[in-house]
């Protein structure tokens, strides 16, 4: 009976250590991605409301150095799969907020919407750009971040991704990428899936 009692305490202690460790990881993520997962930095992606599987996949890619980032590697190096699942679950449930200020540029919005339709972004990212499974949410994402990532995909410099994005963006002009990023950043960020 004493062993069973001690076993329960050990289990509870491990649980609380795990939760505390998870909270430390969440706070570490919040340093760059914002306390609620909505990035205050235009060059850093918002991770609130991203699909859980997308976050898990990206963290594994960073941890295994298949997606290169000098900033992310020290954070994810040695991270256990259970921690990745916990972090992804936490941030995927947070509401995404559009973080761009200022009025949308009507010409960029029109061109961006046209390019999103022509490039068929809604097929993988869904019609409201909420993302699904391993496909990221684009709606309400940071404009500068989107523009940089779209260029990196087009130019073959984005590691850790599949070839579909590079093929989809092949030959798209910088001006069209800018309009697409402007449009997507100002598209309403949908509520996270429950």
C-alpha atoms as a PDB file:
ATOM      1  CA  UNK A   1       0.000   0.000   0.000  1.00  0.00           C
ATOM      2  CA  UNK A   2       2.858   2.379   0.880  1.00  0.00           C
ATOM      3  CA  UNK A   3       4.427   1.767  -2.562  1.00  0.00           C
ATOM      4  CA  UNK A   4       1.153   2.574  -4.292  1.00  0.00           C
ATOM      5  CA  UNK A   5       0.889   5.820  -2.290  1.00  0.00           C
ATOM      6  CA  UNK A   6       4.484   6.811  -3.129  1.00  0.00           C
ATOM      7  CA  UNK A   7       3.889   5.824  -6.745  1.00  0.00           C
ATOM      8  CA  UNK A   8       0.962   8.242  -6.914  1.00  0.00           C
ATOM      9  CA  UNK A   9       3.087  11.048  -5.490  1.00  0.00           C
ATOM     10  CA  UNK A  10       5.826  10.293  -7.976  1.00  0.00           C
ATOM     11  CA  UNK A  11       3.275  10.372 -10.773  1.00  0.00           C
ATOM     12  CA  UNK A  12       1.773  13.649  -9.532  1.00  0.00           C
ATOM     13  CA  UNK A  13       5.221  15.173  -9.084  1.00  0.00           C
ATOM     14  CA  UNK A  14       6.182  14.167 -12.625  1.00  0.00           C
ATOM     15  CA  UNK A  15       2.911  15.658 -13.906  1.00  0.00           C
ATOM     16  CA  UNK A  16       3.503  19.005 -12.156  1.00  0.00           C
ATOM     17  CA  UNK A  17       7.117  19.141 -13.311  1.00  0.00           C
ATOM     18  CA  UNK A  18       5.892  18.446 -16.843  1.00  0.00           C
ATOM     19  CA  UNK A  19       3.264  21.203 -16.612  1.00  0.00           C
ATOM     20  CA  UNK A  20       5.800  23.642 -15.151  1.00  0.00           C
ATOM     21  CA  UNK A  21       8.291  22.747 -17.878  1.00  0.00           C
ATOM     22  CA  UNK A  22       5.565  23.233 -20.458  1.00  0.00           C
ATOM     23  CA  UNK A  23       4.789  26.672 -19.030  1.00  0.00           C
ATOM     24  CA  UNK A  24       8.464  27.613 -19.275  1.00  0.00           C
ATOM     25  CA  UNK A  25       8.466  26.557 -22.931  1.00  0.00           C
ATOM     26  CA  UNK A  26       5.280  28.565 -23.577  1.00  0.00           C
ATOM     27  CA  UNK A  27       6.890  31.632 -21.989  1.00  0.00           C
ATOM     28  CA  UNK A  28      10.004  31.101 -24.078  1.00  0.00           C
ATOM     29  CA  UNK A  29       7.880  30.963 -27.255  1.00  0.00           C
ATOM     30  CA  UNK A  30       6.018  34.093 -26.142  1.00  0.00           C
ATOM     31  CA  UNK A  31       9.288  36.038 -26.101  1.00  0.00           C
ATOM     32  CA  UNK A  32       9.242  36.213 -29.903  1.00  0.00           C
ATOM     33  CA  UNK A  33       5.780  35.053 -30.940  1.00  0.00           C
ATOM     34  CA  UNK A  34       3.863  37.162 -28.406  1.00  0.00           C
ATOM     35  CA  UNK A  35       2.266  36.222 -25.074  1.00  0.00           C
ATOM     36  CA  UNK A  36      -0.912  35.108 -26.832  1.00  0.00           C
ATOM     37  CA  UNK A  37       0.857  33.675 -29.890  1.00  0.00           C
ATOM     38  CA  UNK A  38       0.176  36.808 -31.963  1.00  0.00           C
ATOM     39  CA  UNK A  39       3.545  38.242 -32.877  1.00  0.00           C
ATOM     40  CA  UNK A  40       4.250  41.904 -32.148  1.00  0.00           C
ATOM     41  CA  UNK A  41       7.256  41.714 -34.509  1.00  0.00           C
ATOM     42  CA  UNK A  42       6.380  42.020 -38.229  1.00  0.00           C
ATOM     43  CA  UNK A  43       9.181  39.612 -39.186  1.00  0.00           C
ATOM     44  CA  UNK A  44       8.147  36.886 -36.722  1.00  0.00           C
ATOM     45  CA  UNK A  45       5.140  34.696 -37.499  1.00  0.00           C
ATOM     46  CA  UNK A  46       2.064  34.579 -35.339  1.00  0.00           C
ATOM     47  CA  UNK A  47       1.478  31.005 -34.207  1.00  0.00           C
ATOM     48  CA  UNK A  48      -1.880  31.422 -32.452  1.00  0.00           C
ATOM     49  CA  UNK A  49      -4.650  29.548 -34.228  1.00  0.00           C
ATOM     50  CA  UNK A  50      -2.287  27.629 -36.488  1.00  0.00           C
ATOM     51  CA  UNK A  51      -3.334  24.011 -37.108  1.00  0.00           C
ATOM     52  CA  UNK A  52      -1.896  21.747 -34.401  1.00  0.00           C
ATOM     53  CA  UNK A  53      -0.303  19.376 -36.898  1.00  0.00           C
ATOM     54  CA  UNK A  54       1.339  22.313 -38.693  1.00  0.00           C
ATOM     55  CA  UNK A  55       2.963  23.541 -35.454  1.00  0.00           C
ATOM     56  CA  UNK A  56       4.090  20.020 -34.538  1.00  0.00           C
ATOM     57  CA  UNK A  57       5.582  19.489 -37.989  1.00  0.00           C
ATOM     58  CA  UNK A  58       7.453  22.793 -37.967  1.00  0.00           C
ATOM     59  CA  UNK A  59       8.893  22.191 -34.494  1.00  0.00           C
ATOM     60  CA  UNK A  60      10.135  18.752 -35.546  1.00  0.00           C
ATOM     61  CA  UNK A  61      11.637  20.202 -38.738  1.00  0.00           C
ATOM     62  CA  UNK A  62      13.455  22.864 -36.683  1.00  0.00           C
ATOM     63  CA  UNK A  63      14.582  20.324 -34.065  1.00  0.00           C
ATOM     64  CA  UNK A  64      15.940  17.943 -36.707  1.00  0.00           C
ATOM     65  CA  UNK A  65      17.542  20.890 -38.559  1.00  0.00           C
ATOM     66  CA  UNK A  66      15.561  20.162 -41.719  1.00  0.00           C
ATOM     67  CA  UNK A  67      14.228  23.706 -41.531  1.00  0.00           C
ATOM     68  CA  UNK A  68      17.064  26.076 -40.751  1.00  0.00           C
ATOM     69  CA  UNK A  69      16.758  28.865 -38.187  1.00  0.00           C
ATOM     70  CA  UNK A  70      19.518  30.122 -35.939  1.00  0.00           C
ATOM     71  CA  UNK A  71      16.864  31.526 -33.616  1.00  0.00           C
ATOM     72  CA  UNK A  72      14.700  28.410 -33.366  1.00  0.00           C
ATOM     73  CA  UNK A  73      17.383  25.719 -33.088  1.00  0.00           C
ATOM     74  CA  UNK A  74      18.472  26.559 -29.522  1.00  0.00           C
ATOM     75  CA  UNK A  75      14.821  26.583 -28.443  1.00  0.00           C
ATOM     76  CA  UNK A  76      13.886  23.195 -29.921  1.00  0.00           C
ATOM     77  CA  UNK A  77      17.172  21.313 -29.661  1.00  0.00           C
ATOM     78  CA  UNK A  78      16.550  18.284 -27.479  1.00  0.00           C
ATOM     79  CA  UNK A  79      12.830  18.988 -27.187  1.00  0.00           C
ATOM     80  CA  UNK A  80      10.876  15.782 -26.602  1.00  0.00           C
ATOM     81  CA  UNK A  81       7.966  14.824 -28.833  1.00  0.00           C
ATOM     82  CA  UNK A  82       5.571  15.133 -25.871  1.00  0.00           C
ATOM     83  CA  UNK A  83       6.685  18.750 -25.353  1.00  0.00           C
ATOM     84  CA  UNK A  84       6.122  19.475 -29.037  1.00  0.00           C
ATOM     85  CA  UNK A  85       2.611  18.031 -28.867  1.00  0.00           C
ATOM     86  CA  UNK A  86       1.882  20.064 -25.724  1.00  0.00           C
ATOM     87  CA  UNK A  87       3.119  23.336 -27.245  1.00  0.00           C
ATOM     88  CA  UNK A  88       1.262  22.747 -30.500  1.00  0.00           C
ATOM     89  CA  UNK A  89      -1.927  22.020 -28.599  1.00  0.00           C
ATOM     90  CA  UNK A  90      -1.555  25.186 -26.553  1.00  0.00           C
ATOM     91  CA  UNK A  91      -0.900  27.603 -29.418  1.00  0.00           C
ATOM     92  CA  UNK A  92      -3.365  26.004 -31.853  1.00  0.00           C
ATOM     93  CA  UNK A  93      -6.213  26.732 -29.414  1.00  0.00           C
ATOM     94  CA  UNK A  94      -5.391  30.429 -29.002  1.00  0.00           C
ATOM     95  CA  UNK A  95      -7.357  32.915 -31.108  1.00  0.00           C
ATOM     96  CA  UNK A  96      -5.424  34.440 -33.986  1.00  0.00           C
ATOM     97  CA  UNK A  97      -5.601  38.202 -34.361  1.00  0.00           C
ATOM     98  CA  UNK A  98      -4.770  40.253 -37.407  1.00  0.00           C
ATOM     99  CA  UNK A  99      -1.753  42.264 -36.274  1.00  0.00           C
ATOM    100  CA  UNK A 100      -1.419  44.680 -39.173  1.00  0.00           C
ATOM    101  CA  UNK A 101      -2.275  48.307 -38.482  1.00  0.00           C
ATOM    102  CA  UNK A 102      -3.243  50.949 -40.963  1.00  0.00           C
ATOM    103  CA  UNK A 103      -5.847  50.847 -43.662  1.00  0.00           C
ATOM    104  CA  UNK A 104      -5.661  48.184 -46.335  1.00  0.00           C
ATOM    105  CA  UNK A 105      -4.474  49.432 -49.715  1.00  0.00           C
ATOM    106  CA  UNK A 106      -7.441  48.854 -52.081  1.00  0.00           C
ATOM    107  CA  UNK A 107      -5.227  48.198 -55.118  1.00  0.00           C
ATOM    108  CA  UNK A 108      -3.059  45.690 -53.229  1.00  0.00           C
ATOM    109  CA  UNK A 109      -6.144  44.008 -51.764  1.00  0.00           C
ATOM    110  CA  UNK A 110      -7.666  43.618 -55.238  1.00  0.00           C
ATOM    111  CA  UNK A 111      -4.468  42.297 -56.804  1.00  0.00           C
ATOM    112  CA  UNK A 112      -3.790  40.043 -53.813  1.00  0.00           C
ATOM    113  CA  UNK A 113      -7.283  38.528 -53.970  1.00  0.00           C
ATOM    114  CA  UNK A 114      -6.894  37.962 -57.712  1.00  0.00           C
ATOM    115  CA  UNK A 115      -3.486  36.300 -57.240  1.00  0.00           C
ATOM    116  CA  UNK A 116      -4.793  34.112 -54.383  1.00  0.00           C
ATOM    117  CA  UNK A 117      -7.584  32.919 -56.682  1.00  0.00           C
ATOM    118  CA  UNK A 118      -5.323  32.444 -59.722  1.00  0.00           C
ATOM    119  CA  UNK A 119      -2.683  30.604 -57.687  1.00  0.00           C
ATOM    120  CA  UNK A 120      -5.424  28.481 -56.083  1.00  0.00           C
ATOM    121  CA  UNK A 121      -4.225  29.147 -52.531  1.00  0.00           C
ATOM    122  CA  UNK A 122      -7.624  28.133 -51.176  1.00  0.00           C
ATOM    123  CA  UNK A 123      -7.264  24.540 -52.312  1.00  0.00           C
ATOM    124  CA  UNK A 124      -4.635  23.690 -49.695  1.00  0.00           C
ATOM    125  CA  UNK A 125      -5.003  26.592 -47.248  1.00  0.00           C
ATOM    126  CA  UNK A 126      -8.849  26.476 -47.499  1.00  0.00           C
ATOM    127  CA  UNK A 127     -11.089  29.192 -48.873  1.00  0.00           C
ATOM    128  CA  UNK A 128     -10.795  31.394 -45.758  1.00  0.00           C
ATOM    129  CA  UNK A 129      -7.035  30.695 -45.545  1.00  0.00           C
ATOM    130  CA  UNK A 130      -7.386  29.112 -42.067  1.00  0.00           C
ATOM    131  CA  UNK A 131      -5.033  26.258 -42.990  1.00  0.00           C
ATOM    132  CA  UNK A 132      -5.548  22.591 -42.246  1.00  0.00           C
ATOM    133  CA  UNK A 133      -3.518  19.689 -40.953  1.00  0.00           C
ATOM    134  CA  UNK A 134       0.111  20.428 -41.907  1.00  0.00           C
ATOM    135  CA  UNK A 135      -0.892  23.435 -44.067  1.00  0.00           C
ATOM    136  CA  UNK A 136      -0.508  26.796 -42.255  1.00  0.00           C
ATOM    137  CA  UNK A 137      -3.049  29.490 -41.593  1.00  0.00           C
ATOM    138  CA  UNK A 138      -2.279  32.489 -43.801  1.00  0.00           C
ATOM    139  CA  UNK A 139      -5.229  34.714 -42.840  1.00  0.00           C
ATOM    140  CA  UNK A 140      -4.143  37.397 -40.393  1.00  0.00           C
ATOM    141  CA  UNK A 141      -0.470  36.367 -40.552  1.00  0.00           C
ATOM    142  CA  UNK A 142       2.210  39.080 -40.366  1.00  0.00           C
ATOM    143  CA  UNK A 143       2.600  40.774 -43.766  1.00  0.00           C
ATOM    144  CA  UNK A 144       6.392  41.194 -43.692  1.00  0.00           C
ATOM    145  CA  UNK A 145       6.814  37.574 -42.627  1.00  0.00           C
ATOM    146  CA  UNK A 146       4.465  36.332 -45.367  1.00  0.00           C
ATOM    147  CA  UNK A 147       6.232  38.400 -48.033  1.00  0.00           C
ATOM    148  CA  UNK A 148       9.654  37.073 -46.991  1.00  0.00           C
ATOM    149  CA  UNK A 149       8.475  33.439 -46.848  1.00  0.00           C
ATOM    150  CA  UNK A 150       6.680  33.675 -50.203  1.00  0.00           C
ATOM    151  CA  UNK A 151       9.862  35.060 -51.814  1.00  0.00           C
ATOM    152  CA  UNK A 152      11.959  32.329 -50.162  1.00  0.00           C
ATOM    153  CA  UNK A 153       9.642  29.621 -51.498  1.00  0.00           C
ATOM    154  CA  UNK A 154       9.619  31.139 -54.987  1.00  0.00           C
ATOM    155  CA  UNK A 155      13.406  31.503 -55.016  1.00  0.00           C
ATOM    156  CA  UNK A 156      14.066  27.982 -53.687  1.00  0.00           C
ATOM    157  CA  UNK A 157      15.603  29.254 -50.439  1.00  0.00           C
ATOM    158  CA  UNK A 158      12.965  28.000 -47.993  1.00  0.00           C
ATOM    159  CA  UNK A 159      14.121  24.813 -46.253  1.00  0.00           C
ATOM    160  CA  UNK A 160      11.842  22.277 -44.636  1.00  0.00           C
ATOM    161  CA  UNK A 161       8.999  22.743 -47.082  1.00  0.00           C
ATOM    162  CA  UNK A 162       7.601  20.676 -49.842  1.00  0.00           C
ATOM    163  CA  UNK A 163       7.967  21.484 -53.509  1.00  0.00           C
ATOM    164  CA  UNK A 164       4.307  22.384 -54.025  1.00  0.00           C
ATOM    165  CA  UNK A 165       4.789  25.955 -52.766  1.00  0.00           C
ATOM    166  CA  UNK A 166       7.915  26.493 -54.852  1.00  0.00           C
ATOM    167  CA  UNK A 167       6.079  25.243 -57.928  1.00  0.00           C
ATOM    168  CA  UNK A 168       2.967  27.314 -57.169  1.00  0.00           C
ATOM    169  CA  UNK A 169       4.991  30.506 -56.815  1.00  0.00           C
ATOM    170  CA  UNK A 170       7.405  29.909 -59.687  1.00  0.00           C
ATOM    171  CA  UNK A 171       7.578  33.041 -61.831  1.00  0.00           C
ATOM    172  CA  UNK A 172       5.326  35.169 -59.609  1.00  0.00           C
ATOM    173  CA  UNK A 173       6.611  38.752 -59.535  1.00  0.00           C
ATOM    174  CA  UNK A 174       7.775  40.546 -56.395  1.00  0.00           C
ATOM    175  CA  UNK A 175       4.881  42.991 -56.836  1.00  0.00           C
ATOM    176  CA  UNK A 176       2.353  40.152 -56.908  1.00  0.00           C
ATOM    177  CA  UNK A 177       3.936  38.503 -53.864  1.00  0.00           C
ATOM    178  CA  UNK A 178       3.716  41.827 -52.021  1.00  0.00           C
ATOM    179  CA  UNK A 179       0.027  42.154 -52.964  1.00  0.00           C
ATOM    180  CA  UNK A 180      -0.650  38.557 -51.937  1.00  0.00           C
ATOM    181  CA  UNK A 181       1.029  39.094 -48.543  1.00  0.00           C
ATOM    182  CA  UNK A 182      -0.922  42.348 -48.047  1.00  0.00           C
ATOM    183  CA  UNK A 183      -4.228  40.634 -48.868  1.00  0.00           C
ATOM    184  CA  UNK A 184      -3.614  37.553 -46.709  1.00  0.00           C
ATOM    185  CA  UNK A 185      -2.363  39.561 -43.726  1.00  0.00           C
ATOM    186  CA  UNK A 186      -5.574  41.560 -43.793  1.00  0.00           C
ATOM    187  CA  UNK A 187      -7.910  38.622 -44.380  1.00  0.00           C
ATOM    188  CA  UNK A 188      -9.867  37.922 -41.182  1.00  0.00           C
ATOM    189  CA  UNK A 189      -8.165  35.359 -39.011  1.00  0.00           C
ATOM    190  CA  UNK A 190     -10.763  32.637 -38.331  1.00  0.00           C
ATOM    191  CA  UNK A 191     -11.388  31.240 -34.868  1.00  0.00           C
ATOM    192  CA  UNK A 192      -9.259  28.190 -34.066  1.00  0.00           C
ATOM    193  CA  UNK A 193     -10.814  24.782 -34.604  1.00  0.00           C
ATOM    194  CA  UNK A 194     -11.982  23.135 -31.395  1.00  0.00           C
END
